[in-house]
Amino acid sequence: MKRYFIGMDAHSRHSCFVVMNVKGQILHRKQIDTSEAEILGFVRSLEGTKALTFEESTLSQWLYLLLKDEVDELVVANPAAIARRGAAKTDFIDATELADLLRVGRLKSVFHTADDRMELRALISGYNDLVQEIVRTKNRFKALFARSALPSRGTGIYTDEARISELPSLARREVAKALFDQLELLESQRREVYWERFRKNRRRFSEISLLCTIPAFGIVRSNQVVGIVVTPERFSDKYHFFSYAMLVRHKQQSDGKQYGNKQAHGQVLLKSIFKSAAVSALRGGNAFRRKYDQMRATGTPDKAARNSVARALAATVLGVWKTGKKYDDHYREVKQRQNLRRQG
């Protein structure tokens, strides 16, 4: 039976296909409209064993769901892991390179699945965009007071409309009123649309409720983690999860010599979640705060101790999710004592 390696360079209007055989010979080159009928028509016209790849993009999840049952192997390629040559670039060249890399097994895949939890990613993306807009609006509003040498510390300024009258000119007061109204609208959207959906997701997905038992992991962070990770079974151990969450750096070595380290490719949002969760966790009396205090008492710098707490939180999230057991605040101490007894 014939075996085909298909490279697809997908764009919103047109997509280019290049089909190779096992020897690397190009059998077909075709550009089609990016539509369900056109894509399925081309893929189904090839009779034999089919492996297909395309790069991660905004179209990836749609293409994955469309093609996962149409081919024998489907790889959503990580573009950051593809070494680009400084030569001419066209859609057909990109598709050819993808097909060839798929043929020799040199592609690194990006996780995709048909699981309903993947839909959480759209919700999370919208929420993050909204939060960024809220922050920008607050900064613009606060700047109006700073330019007029008026006190603007604290969060009360964003809810006290009477403060607008302190601004010295009509133009500034009008701009401030518009920003104040915009901020009220954005905050209402955050509460009534996103937080309400996050609460419903807690009832729909049991793991979200489970993660909410961990210090510093409320409704929002738990929804974000589940939406990004989807399933903890993707990671064989906590160290792979640390790398995916960009909480570790990889050493760069050559000829036995180390010449620095490099940030792992992963999810920037996960890194932000665990870093901010570490800050929140340190405000309470919990195992993470105790871990931080122990490290500081032995001379560990503040930044290193906080990073360690972020990794501890990531390990806890993975462990709680995999085991299906609620968070136990004394689990780490009990485990440490057991290990010491074994070593003794």
C-alpha atoms as a PDB file:
ATOM      1  CA  MET A   1       0.000   0.000   0.000  1.00  0.00           C
ATOM      2  CA  LYS A   2       1.244   3.482  -0.850  1.00  0.00           C
ATOM      3  CA  ARG A   3       2.331   5.723   2.018  1.00  0.00           C
ATOM      4  CA  TYR A   4       1.999   9.477   1.724  1.00  0.00           C
ATOM      5  CA  PHE A   5       3.567  12.268   3.780  1.00  0.00           C
ATOM      6  CA  ILE A   6       1.500  15.433   3.434  1.00  0.00           C
ATOM      7  CA  GLY A   7       2.749  18.889   4.356  1.00  0.00           C
ATOM      8  CA  MET A   8       0.051  21.548   4.675  1.00  0.00           C
ATOM      9  CA  ASP A   9       0.707  25.276   4.871  1.00  0.00           C
ATOM     10  CA  ALA A  10      -2.651  26.555   6.119  1.00  0.00           C
ATOM     11  CA  HIS A  11      -3.914  30.124   5.926  1.00  0.00           C
ATOM     12  CA  SER A  12      -7.356  31.662   6.362  1.00  0.00           C
ATOM     13  CA  ARG A  13      -7.959  32.074   2.606  1.00  0.00           C
ATOM     14  CA  HIS A  14      -5.800  29.478   0.862  1.00  0.00           C
ATOM     15  CA  SER A  15      -3.865  26.373   1.873  1.00  0.00           C
ATOM     16  CA  CYS A  16      -0.992  24.681   0.069  1.00  0.00           C
ATOM     17  CA  PHE A  17      -0.417  20.926   0.056  1.00  0.00           C
ATOM     18  CA  VAL A  18       2.747  19.026  -0.844  1.00  0.00           C
ATOM     19  CA  VAL A  19       2.636  15.219  -0.933  1.00  0.00           C
ATOM     20  CA  MET A  20       5.805  13.086  -0.699  1.00  0.00           C
ATOM     21  CA  ASN A  21       6.466   9.357  -0.859  1.00  0.00           C
ATOM     22  CA  VAL A  22       8.783   7.417   1.464  1.00  0.00           C
ATOM     23  CA  LYS A  23      11.792   8.317  -0.738  1.00  0.00           C
ATOM     24  CA  GLY A  24      11.183  12.042  -0.436  1.00  0.00           C
ATOM     25  CA  GLN A  25       9.948  12.448  -3.990  1.00  0.00           C
ATOM     26  CA  ILE A  26       7.234  15.072  -4.470  1.00  0.00           C
ATOM     27  CA  LEU A  27       4.112  13.480  -5.921  1.00  0.00           C
ATOM     28  CA  HIS A  28       1.592  16.325  -5.709  1.00  0.00           C
ATOM     29  CA  ARG A  29       1.540  20.098  -5.195  1.00  0.00           C
ATOM     30  CA  LYS A  30      -1.742  21.913  -4.935  1.00  0.00           C
ATOM     31  CA  GLN A  31      -3.232  25.145  -3.600  1.00  0.00           C
ATOM     32  CA  ILE A  32      -6.887  25.111  -2.554  1.00  0.00           C
ATOM     33  CA  ASP A  33      -9.372  27.337  -0.755  1.00  0.00           C
ATOM     34  CA  THR A  34      -9.331  26.860   3.022  1.00  0.00           C
ATOM     35  CA  SER A  35     -12.755  25.299   3.379  1.00  0.00           C
ATOM     36  CA  GLU A  36     -13.977  22.021   4.824  1.00  0.00           C
ATOM     37  CA  ALA A  37     -15.139  20.672   1.464  1.00  0.00           C
ATOM     38  CA  GLU A  38     -11.913  21.559  -0.403  1.00  0.00           C
ATOM     39  CA  ILE A  39      -9.582  20.202   2.291  1.00  0.00           C
ATOM     40  CA  LEU A  40     -11.467  16.944   2.768  1.00  0.00           C
ATOM     41  CA  GLY A  41     -11.781  16.518  -0.994  1.00  0.00           C
ATOM     42  CA  PHE A  42      -8.029  16.728  -1.496  1.00  0.00           C
ATOM     43  CA  VAL A  43      -7.097  14.464   1.426  1.00  0.00           C
ATOM     44  CA  ARG A  44      -9.670  11.836   0.475  1.00  0.00           C
ATOM     45  CA  SER A  45      -8.413  11.790  -3.121  1.00  0.00           C
ATOM     46  CA  LEU A  46      -5.184  10.142  -1.916  1.00  0.00           C
ATOM     47  CA  GLU A  47      -5.593   6.385  -1.597  1.00  0.00           C
ATOM     48  CA  GLY A  48      -3.181   4.738   0.799  1.00  0.00           C
ATOM     49  CA  THR A  49      -1.660   5.297   4.241  1.00  0.00           C
ATOM     50  CA  LYS A  50      -1.602   9.025   4.989  1.00  0.00           C
ATOM     51  CA  ALA A  51       0.442  11.066   7.477  1.00  0.00           C
ATOM     52  CA  LEU A  52      -0.305  14.786   7.536  1.00  0.00           C
ATOM     53  CA  THR A  53       1.156  17.792   9.303  1.00  0.00           C
ATOM     54  CA  PHE A  54       0.576  21.519   9.590  1.00  0.00           C
ATOM     55  CA  GLU A  55       1.998  24.176  11.911  1.00  0.00           C
ATOM     56  CA  GLU A  56       0.296  25.354  15.091  1.00  0.00           C
ATOM     57  CA  SER A  57      -1.805  28.456  14.361  1.00  0.00           C
ATOM     58  CA  THR A  58      -5.215  29.960  15.036  1.00  0.00           C
ATOM     59  CA  LEU A  59      -6.671  27.367  12.640  1.00  0.00           C
ATOM     60  CA  SER A  60      -5.064  24.388  14.357  1.00  0.00           C
ATOM     61  CA  GLN A  61      -7.927  23.144  16.528  1.00  0.00           C
ATOM     62  CA  TRP A  62     -10.429  23.443  13.675  1.00  0.00           C
ATOM     63  CA  LEU A  63      -8.089  21.582  11.319  1.00  0.00           C
ATOM     64  CA  TYR A  64      -7.347  18.955  13.960  1.00  0.00           C
ATOM     65  CA  LEU A  65     -11.034  18.161  14.484  1.00  0.00           C
ATOM     66  CA  LEU A  66     -11.600  18.166  10.713  1.00  0.00           C
ATOM     67  CA  LEU A  67      -8.715  15.843   9.821  1.00  0.00           C
ATOM     68  CA  LYS A  68      -8.096  13.573  12.828  1.00  0.00           C
ATOM     69  CA  ASP A  69     -10.290  10.789  11.425  1.00  0.00           C
ATOM     70  CA  GLU A  70      -9.217  11.290   7.797  1.00  0.00           C
ATOM     71  CA  VAL A  71      -5.544  10.343   8.100  1.00  0.00           C
ATOM     72  CA  ASP A  72      -3.539   7.597   9.783  1.00  0.00           C
ATOM     73  CA  GLU A  73      -1.173  10.043  11.504  1.00  0.00           C
ATOM     74  CA  LEU A  74      -1.760  13.708  12.273  1.00  0.00           C
ATOM     75  CA  VAL A  75       0.951  15.986  13.679  1.00  0.00           C
ATOM     76  CA  VAL A  76       0.311  19.595  14.659  1.00  0.00           C
ATOM     77  CA  ALA A  77       3.889  20.870  14.406  1.00  0.00           C
ATOM     78  CA  ASN A  78       5.461  23.275  16.862  1.00  0.00           C
ATOM     79  CA  PRO A  79       6.857  26.092  14.670  1.00  0.00           C
ATOM     80  CA  ALA A  80       9.316  27.157  17.396  1.00  0.00           C
ATOM     81  CA  ALA A  81      11.053  23.779  17.102  1.00  0.00           C
ATOM     82  CA  ILE A  82      11.580  24.029  13.320  1.00  0.00           C
ATOM     83  CA  ALA A  83      14.956  25.371  12.233  1.00  0.00           C
ATOM     84  CA  ARG A  84      14.355  27.866   9.436  1.00  0.00           C
ATOM     85  CA  ARG A  85      16.877  28.209   6.650  1.00  0.00           C
ATOM     86  CA  GLY A  86      17.696  31.685   5.377  1.00  0.00           C
ATOM     87  CA  ALA A  87      16.469  30.926   1.867  1.00  0.00           C
ATOM     88  CA  ALA A  88      13.488  32.023  -0.198  1.00  0.00           C
ATOM     89  CA  LYS A  89      10.124  31.502   1.452  1.00  0.00           C
ATOM     90  CA  THR A  90       6.841  30.557  -0.190  1.00  0.00           C
ATOM     91  CA  ASP A  91       3.843  28.572   0.965  1.00  0.00           C
ATOM     92  CA  PHE A  92       4.919  25.628  -1.195  1.00  0.00           C
ATOM     93  CA  ILE A  93       8.446  25.723   0.243  1.00  0.00           C
ATOM     94  CA  ASP A  94       7.014  25.665   3.761  1.00  0.00           C
ATOM     95  CA  ALA A  95       4.667  22.796   2.924  1.00  0.00           C
ATOM     96  CA  THR A  96       7.540  20.864   1.316  1.00  0.00           C
ATOM     97  CA  GLU A  97       9.727  21.325   4.386  1.00  0.00           C
ATOM     98  CA  LEU A  98       6.919  20.149   6.660  1.00  0.00           C
ATOM     99  CA  ALA A  99       6.293  17.056   4.562  1.00  0.00           C
ATOM    100  CA  ASP A 100       9.994  16.181   4.545  1.00  0.00           C
ATOM    101  CA  LEU A 101      10.386  16.696   8.315  1.00  0.00           C
ATOM    102  CA  LEU A 102       7.334  14.510   8.888  1.00  0.00           C
ATOM    103  CA  ARG A 103       8.825  11.838   6.653  1.00  0.00           C
ATOM    104  CA  VAL A 104      12.052  11.642   8.677  1.00  0.00           C
ATOM    105  CA  GLY A 105      10.320  12.032  12.064  1.00  0.00           C
ATOM    106  CA  ARG A 106      11.863  15.394  12.968  1.00  0.00           C
ATOM    107  CA  LEU A 107       8.732  17.288  14.025  1.00  0.00           C
ATOM    108  CA  LYS A 108       7.785  18.188  17.578  1.00  0.00           C
ATOM    109  CA  SER A 109       4.030  18.043  18.042  1.00  0.00           C
ATOM    110  CA  VAL A 110       1.700  20.436  19.840  1.00  0.00           C
ATOM    111  CA  PHE A 111      -1.015  18.881  21.992  1.00  0.00           C
ATOM    112  CA  HIS A 112      -4.544  18.805  20.558  1.00  0.00           C
ATOM    113  CA  THR A 113      -7.556  16.703  21.419  1.00  0.00           C
ATOM    114  CA  ALA A 114     -11.294  16.539  20.819  1.00  0.00           C
ATOM    115  CA  ASP A 115     -11.908  16.799  24.589  1.00  0.00           C
ATOM    116  CA  ASP A 116     -14.525  19.395  25.649  1.00  0.00           C
ATOM    117  CA  ARG A 117     -11.912  20.970  27.928  1.00  0.00           C
ATOM    118  CA  MET A 118     -10.162  22.361  24.848  1.00  0.00           C
ATOM    119  CA  GLU A 119     -13.104  24.739  24.496  1.00  0.00           C
ATOM    120  CA  LEU A 120     -12.053  26.342  27.780  1.00  0.00           C
ATOM    121  CA  ARG A 121      -9.104  27.857  25.932  1.00  0.00           C
ATOM    122  CA  ALA A 122     -11.346  30.283  24.033  1.00  0.00           C
ATOM    123  CA  LEU A 123     -12.919  31.369  27.329  1.00  0.00           C
ATOM    124  CA  ILE A 124      -9.506  31.801  28.956  1.00  0.00           C
ATOM    125  CA  SER A 125      -8.163  33.783  26.005  1.00  0.00           C
ATOM    126  CA  GLY A 126     -11.145  36.127  26.110  1.00  0.00           C
ATOM    127  CA  TYR A 127     -10.782  36.560  29.863  1.00  0.00           C
ATOM    128  CA  ASN A 128      -7.079  37.403  29.585  1.00  0.00           C
ATOM    129  CA  ASP A 129      -7.802  39.963  26.856  1.00  0.00           C
ATOM    130  CA  LEU A 130     -10.464  41.532  29.074  1.00  0.00           C
ATOM    131  CA  VAL A 131      -8.137  41.710  32.087  1.00  0.00           C
ATOM    132  CA  GLN A 132      -5.425  43.363  29.993  1.00  0.00           C
ATOM    133  CA  GLU A 133      -7.947  45.933  28.759  1.00  0.00           C
ATOM    134  CA  ILE A 134      -9.043  46.609  32.348  1.00  0.00           C
ATOM    135  CA  VAL A 135      -5.418  47.189  33.367  1.00  0.00           C
ATOM    136  CA  ARG A 136      -4.821  49.550  30.421  1.00  0.00           C
ATOM    137  CA  THR A 137      -8.001  51.501  31.205  1.00  0.00           C
ATOM    138  CA  LYS A 138      -7.038  51.826  34.876  1.00  0.00           C
ATOM    139  CA  ASN A 139      -3.581  53.087  33.916  1.00  0.00           C
ATOM    140  CA  ARG A 140      -5.033  55.722  31.598  1.00  0.00           C
ATOM    141  CA  PHE A 141      -7.558  56.809  34.228  1.00  0.00           C
ATOM    142  CA  LYS A 142      -4.934  57.046  36.965  1.00  0.00           C
ATOM    143  CA  ALA A 143      -2.558  58.960  34.682  1.00  0.00           C
ATOM    144  CA  LEU A 144      -5.053  61.840  34.460  1.00  0.00           C
ATOM    145  CA  PHE A 145      -4.686  62.412  38.212  1.00  0.00           C
ATOM    146  CA  ALA A 146      -0.914  61.966  38.154  1.00  0.00           C
ATOM    147  CA  ARG A 147      -0.597  64.669  35.459  1.00  0.00           C
ATOM    148  CA  SER A 148      -2.516  67.038  37.679  1.00  0.00           C
ATOM    149  CA  ALA A 149      -0.393  66.235  40.770  1.00  0.00           C
ATOM    150  CA  LEU A 150      -3.428  64.729  42.519  1.00  0.00           C
ATOM    151  CA  PRO A 151      -3.080  61.750  44.897  1.00  0.00           C
ATOM    152  CA  SER A 152      -4.075  58.493  43.188  1.00  0.00           C
ATOM    153  CA  ARG A 153      -2.745  55.677  45.343  1.00  0.00           C
ATOM    154  CA  GLY A 154      -4.862  52.672  46.196  1.00  0.00           C
ATOM    155  CA  THR A 155      -7.721  51.003  44.370  1.00  0.00           C
ATOM    156  CA  GLY A 156     -10.494  53.259  45.698  1.00  0.00           C
ATOM    157  CA  ILE A 157      -9.919  55.749  42.917  1.00  0.00           C
ATOM    158  CA  TYR A 158     -11.391  53.303  40.399  1.00  0.00           C
ATOM    159  CA  THR A 159     -14.763  53.110  42.186  1.00  0.00           C
ATOM    160  CA  ASP A 160     -15.160  56.668  43.505  1.00  0.00           C
ATOM    161  CA  GLU A 161     -16.708  58.692  40.685  1.00  0.00           C
ATOM    162  CA  ALA A 162     -16.705  61.858  42.813  1.00  0.00           C
ATOM    163  CA  ARG A 163     -12.906  62.032  42.461  1.00  0.00           C
ATOM    164  CA  ILE A 164     -13.334  63.074  38.833  1.00  0.00           C
ATOM    165  CA  SER A 165     -14.475  66.535  39.940  1.00  0.00           C
ATOM    166  CA  GLU A 166     -10.997  67.170  41.375  1.00  0.00           C
ATOM    167  CA  LEU A 167      -9.466  67.314  37.901  1.00  0.00           C
ATOM    168  CA  PRO A 168      -8.627  70.940  36.943  1.00  0.00           C
ATOM    169  CA  SER A 169     -10.035  71.128  33.400  1.00  0.00           C
ATOM    170  CA  LEU A 170     -13.292  70.226  31.671  1.00  0.00           C
ATOM    171  CA  ALA A 171     -11.451  68.191  28.999  1.00  0.00           C
ATOM    172  CA  ARG A 172      -9.737  66.010  31.584  1.00  0.00           C
ATOM    173  CA  ARG A 173     -12.974  65.523  33.504  1.00  0.00           C
ATOM    174  CA  GLU A 174     -14.774  64.412  30.340  1.00  0.00           C
ATOM    175  CA  VAL A 175     -12.013  61.957  29.444  1.00  0.00           C
ATOM    176  CA  ALA A 176     -11.964  60.635  33.010  1.00  0.00           C
ATOM    177  CA  LYS A 177     -15.758  60.133  32.980  1.00  0.00           C
ATOM    178  CA  ALA A 178     -15.548  58.189  29.736  1.00  0.00           C
ATOM    179  CA  LEU A 179     -12.761  55.975  31.150  1.00  0.00           C
ATOM    180  CA  PHE A 180     -14.679  55.518  34.420  1.00  0.00           C
ATOM    181  CA  ASP A 181     -17.790  54.337  32.533  1.00  0.00           C
ATOM    182  CA  GLN A 182     -15.675  52.064  30.353  1.00  0.00           C
ATOM    183  CA  LEU A 183     -14.062  50.548  33.428  1.00  0.00           C
ATOM    184  CA  GLU A 184     -17.462  49.874  35.020  1.00  0.00           C
ATOM    185  CA  LEU A 185     -18.606  48.114  31.835  1.00  0.00           C
ATOM    186  CA  LEU A 186     -15.473  45.961  31.632  1.00  0.00           C
ATOM    187  CA  GLU A 187     -15.717  44.979  35.290  1.00  0.00           C
ATOM    188  CA  SER A 188     -19.374  44.033  34.884  1.00  0.00           C
ATOM    189  CA  GLN A 189     -18.424  41.821  31.915  1.00  0.00           C
ATOM    190  CA  ARG A 190     -15.748  40.162  34.016  1.00  0.00           C
ATOM    191  CA  ARG A 191     -18.262  39.396  36.793  1.00  0.00           C
ATOM    192  CA  GLU A 192     -21.370  38.573  34.802  1.00  0.00           C
ATOM    193  CA  VAL A 193     -19.863  36.762  31.810  1.00  0.00           C
ATOM    194  CA  TYR A 194     -16.542  35.201  32.758  1.00  0.00           C
ATOM    195  CA  TRP A 195     -16.807  34.610  36.501  1.00  0.00           C
ATOM    196  CA  GLU A 196     -20.297  33.190  36.044  1.00  0.00           C
ATOM    197  CA  ARG A 197     -19.020  30.812  33.348  1.00  0.00           C
ATOM    198  CA  PHE A 198     -16.057  29.841  35.539  1.00  0.00           C
ATOM    199  CA  ARG A 199     -18.454  28.967  38.369  1.00  0.00           C
ATOM    200  CA  LYS A 200     -20.535  26.806  36.029  1.00  0.00           C
ATOM    201  CA  ASN A 201     -17.377  25.048  34.847  1.00  0.00           C
ATOM    202  CA  ARG A 202     -16.603  24.140  38.452  1.00  0.00           C
ATOM    203  CA  ARG A 203     -19.805  22.121  38.549  1.00  0.00           C
ATOM    204  CA  ARG A 204     -19.239  20.705  35.069  1.00  0.00           C
ATOM    205  CA  PHE A 205     -15.617  19.594  35.476  1.00  0.00           C
ATOM    206  CA  SER A 206     -14.801  17.883  38.782  1.00  0.00           C
ATOM    207  CA  GLU A 207     -11.064  18.600  38.474  1.00  0.00           C
ATOM    208  CA  ILE A 208     -11.698  22.349  38.663  1.00  0.00           C
ATOM    209  CA  SER A 209     -13.428  21.875  42.013  1.00  0.00           C
ATOM    210  CA  LEU A 210     -10.533  19.635  43.086  1.00  0.00           C
ATOM    211  CA  LEU A 211      -7.864  22.214  42.220  1.00  0.00           C
ATOM    212  CA  CYS A 212      -9.793  24.869  44.146  1.00  0.00           C
ATOM    213  CA  THR A 213      -8.785  23.055  47.363  1.00  0.00           C
ATOM    214  CA  ILE A 214      -5.134  24.097  46.785  1.00  0.00           C
ATOM    215  CA  PRO A 215      -3.994  27.379  48.429  1.00  0.00           C
ATOM    216  CA  ALA A 216      -4.024  30.336  45.988  1.00  0.00           C
ATOM    217  CA  PHE A 217      -6.037  28.383  43.414  1.00  0.00           C
ATOM    218  CA  GLY A 218      -9.492  29.840  43.171  1.00  0.00           C
ATOM    219  CA  ILE A 219     -12.071  29.616  40.407  1.00  0.00           C
ATOM    220  CA  VAL A 220     -10.109  31.635  37.830  1.00  0.00           C
ATOM    221  CA  ARG A 221      -6.695  29.970  38.150  1.00  0.00           C
ATOM    222  CA  SER A 222      -8.258  26.493  38.311  1.00  0.00           C
ATOM    223  CA  ASN A 223     -10.219  27.130  35.108  1.00  0.00           C
ATOM    224  CA  GLN A 224      -7.093  28.455  33.426  1.00  0.00           C
ATOM    225  CA  VAL A 225      -4.948  25.452  34.363  1.00  0.00           C
ATOM    226  CA  VAL A 226      -7.563  22.899  33.271  1.00  0.00           C
ATOM    227  CA  GLY A 227      -8.133  24.743  29.995  1.00  0.00           C
ATOM    228  CA  ILE A 228      -4.436  24.864  29.156  1.00  0.00           C
ATOM    229  CA  VAL A 229      -3.399  21.403  30.348  1.00  0.00           C
ATOM    230  CA  VAL A 230      -6.680  19.554  29.534  1.00  0.00           C
ATOM    231  CA  THR A 231      -5.376  16.272  30.975  1.00  0.00           C
ATOM    232  CA  PRO A 232      -2.520  15.617  33.447  1.00  0.00           C
ATOM    233  CA  GLU A 233      -1.737  12.309  31.751  1.00  0.00           C
ATOM    234  CA  ARG A 234       0.196  14.287  29.131  1.00  0.00           C
ATOM    235  CA  PHE A 235       3.061  14.481  31.637  1.00  0.00           C
ATOM    236  CA  SER A 236       4.889  11.400  32.885  1.00  0.00           C
ATOM    237  CA  ASP A 237       6.312  13.282  35.872  1.00  0.00           C
ATOM    238  CA  LYS A 238       6.428  16.706  37.479  1.00  0.00           C
ATOM    239  CA  TYR A 239       9.694  17.655  35.757  1.00  0.00           C
ATOM    240  CA  HIS A 240       8.103  17.520  32.298  1.00  0.00           C
ATOM    241  CA  PHE A 241       5.286  19.652  33.700  1.00  0.00           C
ATOM    242  CA  PHE A 242       7.806  22.183  35.087  1.00  0.00           C
ATOM    243  CA  SER A 243       9.280  22.480  31.605  1.00  0.00           C
ATOM    244  CA  TYR A 244       5.871  22.942  29.973  1.00  0.00           C
ATOM    245  CA  ALA A 245       5.046  25.630  32.555  1.00  0.00           C
ATOM    246  CA  MET A 246       8.415  27.315  31.847  1.00  0.00           C
ATOM    247  CA  LEU A 247       9.457  27.050  35.504  1.00  0.00           C
ATOM    248  CA  VAL A 248      12.907  25.613  34.722  1.00  0.00           C
ATOM    249  CA  ARG A 249      15.756  26.421  32.364  1.00  0.00           C
ATOM    250  CA  HIS A 250      17.718  23.863  30.343  1.00  0.00           C
ATOM    251  CA  LYS A 251      21.513  23.795  30.389  1.00  0.00           C
ATOM    252  CA  GLN A 252      23.381  24.458  27.145  1.00  0.00           C
ATOM    253  CA  GLN A 253      26.402  22.159  26.816  1.00  0.00           C
ATOM    254  CA  SER A 254      28.913  21.314  24.125  1.00  0.00           C
ATOM    255  CA  ASP A 255      32.082  19.230  24.340  1.00  0.00           C
ATOM    256  CA  GLY A 256      31.554  18.824  28.062  1.00  0.00           C
ATOM    257  CA  LYS A 257      31.396  22.565  28.690  1.00  0.00           C
ATOM    258  CA  GLN A 258      28.372  24.528  29.850  1.00  0.00           C
ATOM    259  CA  TYR A 259      27.769  27.844  28.108  1.00  0.00           C
ATOM    260  CA  GLY A 260      24.579  29.081  29.717  1.00  0.00           C
ATOM    261  CA  ASN A 261      20.985  27.940  29.866  1.00  0.00           C
ATOM    262  CA  LYS A 262      17.855  28.395  27.825  1.00  0.00           C
ATOM    263  CA  GLN A 263      14.190  28.872  28.641  1.00  0.00           C
ATOM    264  CA  ALA A 264      12.111  25.835  27.749  1.00  0.00           C
ATOM    265  CA  HIS A 265       9.370  26.169  25.144  1.00  0.00           C
ATOM    266  CA  GLY A 266       6.022  26.060  26.891  1.00  0.00           C
ATOM    267  CA  GLN A 267       2.975  27.970  28.029  1.00  0.00           C
ATOM    268  CA  VAL A 268       3.757  31.510  29.149  1.00  0.00           C
ATOM    269  CA  LEU A 269       0.345  31.803  30.788  1.00  0.00           C
ATOM    270  CA  LEU A 270       1.038  28.744  32.970  1.00  0.00           C
ATOM    271  CA  LYS A 271       4.277  30.354  34.132  1.00  0.00           C
ATOM    272  CA  SER A 272       2.389  33.514  35.048  1.00  0.00           C
ATOM    273  CA  ILE A 273      -0.286  31.507  36.875  1.00  0.00           C
ATOM    274  CA  PHE A 274       2.164  29.603  39.072  1.00  0.00           C
ATOM    275  CA  LYS A 275       4.366  32.656  39.732  1.00  0.00           C
ATOM    276  CA  SER A 276       1.397  34.778  40.816  1.00  0.00           C
ATOM    277  CA  ALA A 277      -0.075  31.869  42.783  1.00  0.00           C
ATOM    278  CA  ALA A 278       3.219  31.593  44.699  1.00  0.00           C
ATOM    279  CA  VAL A 279       2.915  35.252  45.728  1.00  0.00           C
ATOM    280  CA  SER A 280      -0.679  34.664  46.881  1.00  0.00           C
ATOM    281  CA  ALA A 281       0.179  31.443  48.732  1.00  0.00           C
ATOM    282  CA  LEU A 282       2.926  33.183  50.712  1.00  0.00           C
ATOM    283  CA  ARG A 283       0.328  35.507  52.260  1.00  0.00           C
ATOM    284  CA  GLY A 284      -1.288  32.606  54.148  1.00  0.00           C
ATOM    285  CA  GLY A 285      -0.291  30.045  56.724  1.00  0.00           C
ATOM    286  CA  ASN A 286       0.120  26.922  54.611  1.00  0.00           C
ATOM    287  CA  ALA A 287       2.709  24.338  53.585  1.00  0.00           C
ATOM    288  CA  PHE A 288       4.039  26.605  50.840  1.00  0.00           C
ATOM    289  CA  ARG A 289       4.632  29.452  53.274  1.00  0.00           C
ATOM    290  CA  ARG A 290       6.371  27.041  55.643  1.00  0.00           C
ATOM    291  CA  LYS A 291       8.542  25.781  52.781  1.00  0.00           C
ATOM    292  CA  TYR A 292       9.477  29.353  51.869  1.00  0.00           C
ATOM    293  CA  ASP A 293      10.344  30.234  55.492  1.00  0.00           C
ATOM    294  CA  GLN A 294      12.540  27.127  55.835  1.00  0.00           C
ATOM    295  CA  MET A 295      14.442  27.972  52.672  1.00  0.00           C
ATOM    296  CA  ARG A 296      14.960  31.590  53.700  1.00  0.00           C
ATOM    297  CA  ALA A 297      16.159  30.472  57.151  1.00  0.00           C
ATOM    298  CA  THR A 298      18.875  28.362  55.506  1.00  0.00           C
ATOM    299  CA  GLY A 299      20.123  31.285  53.394  1.00  0.00           C
ATOM    300  CA  THR A 300      18.225  30.737  50.134  1.00  0.00           C
ATOM    301  CA  PRO A 301      17.688  34.055  48.291  1.00  0.00           C
ATOM    302  CA  ASP A 302      14.129  35.368  48.113  1.00  0.00           C
ATOM    303  CA  LYS A 303      13.808  34.920  44.339  1.00  0.00           C
ATOM    304  CA  ALA A 304      15.056  31.319  44.425  1.00  0.00           C
ATOM    305  CA  ALA A 305      12.710  30.492  47.302  1.00  0.00           C
ATOM    306  CA  ARG A 306       9.728  31.978  45.468  1.00  0.00           C
ATOM    307  CA  ASN A 307      10.602  30.039  42.322  1.00  0.00           C
ATOM    308  CA  SER A 308      10.791  26.870  44.396  1.00  0.00           C
ATOM    309  CA  VAL A 309       7.327  27.590  45.804  1.00  0.00           C
ATOM    310  CA  ALA A 310       5.992  28.077  42.238  1.00  0.00           C
ATOM    311  CA  ARG A 311       7.375  24.653  41.262  1.00  0.00           C
ATOM    312  CA  ALA A 312       5.932  23.122  44.448  1.00  0.00           C
ATOM    313  CA  LEU A 313       2.530  24.503  43.503  1.00  0.00           C
ATOM    314  CA  ALA A 314       2.861  23.052  39.998  1.00  0.00           C
ATOM    315  CA  ALA A 315       3.802  19.649  41.423  1.00  0.00           C
ATOM    316  CA  THR A 316       0.837  19.819  43.805  1.00  0.00           C
ATOM    317  CA  VAL A 317      -1.591  20.702  41.000  1.00  0.00           C
ATOM    318  CA  LEU A 318      -0.338  17.762  38.934  1.00  0.00           C
ATOM    319  CA  GLY A 319      -0.455  15.364  41.897  1.00  0.00           C
ATOM    320  CA  VAL A 320      -3.919  16.374  43.094  1.00  0.00           C
ATOM    321  CA  TRP A 321      -5.297  16.202  39.568  1.00  0.00           C
ATOM    322  CA  LYS A 322      -3.787  12.774  38.832  1.00  0.00           C
ATOM    323  CA  THR A 323      -4.778  11.167  42.117  1.00  0.00           C
ATOM    324  CA  GLY A 324      -8.209  12.773  42.350  1.00  0.00           C
ATOM    325  CA  LYS A 325      -7.613  13.474  46.046  1.00  0.00           C
ATOM    326  CA  LYS A 326      -8.169  16.841  47.717  1.00  0.00           C
ATOM    327  CA  TYR A 327      -5.195  18.908  48.809  1.00  0.00           C
ATOM    328  CA  ASP A 328      -3.667  17.926  52.165  1.00  0.00           C
ATOM    329  CA  ASP A 329      -1.720  20.807  53.713  1.00  0.00           C
ATOM    330  CA  HIS A 330       0.508  18.471  55.740  1.00  0.00           C
ATOM    331  CA  TYR A 331       1.255  15.986  52.955  1.00  0.00           C
ATOM    332  CA  ARG A 332       4.727  17.384  52.226  1.00  0.00           C
ATOM    333  CA  GLU A 333       5.858  17.384  55.841  1.00  0.00           C
ATOM    334  CA  VAL A 334       4.613  13.807  56.375  1.00  0.00           C
ATOM    335  CA  LYS A 335       6.365  12.713  53.176  1.00  0.00           C
ATOM    336  CA  GLN A 336       9.623  14.359  54.255  1.00  0.00           C
ATOM    337  CA  ARG A 337       9.540  12.644  57.662  1.00  0.00           C
ATOM    338  CA  GLN A 338       8.902   9.284  55.996  1.00  0.00           C
ATOM    339  CA  ASN A 339      11.864   9.801  53.656  1.00  0.00           C
ATOM    340  CA  LEU A 340      14.119  10.757  56.566  1.00  0.00           C
ATOM    341  CA  ARG A 341      13.117   7.618  58.463  1.00  0.00           C
ATOM    342  CA  ARG A 342      13.913   5.458  55.422  1.00  0.00           C
ATOM    343  CA  GLN A 343      17.317   7.107  55.038  1.00  0.00           C
ATOM    344  CA  GLY A 344      18.017   6.711  58.765  1.00  0.00           C
END
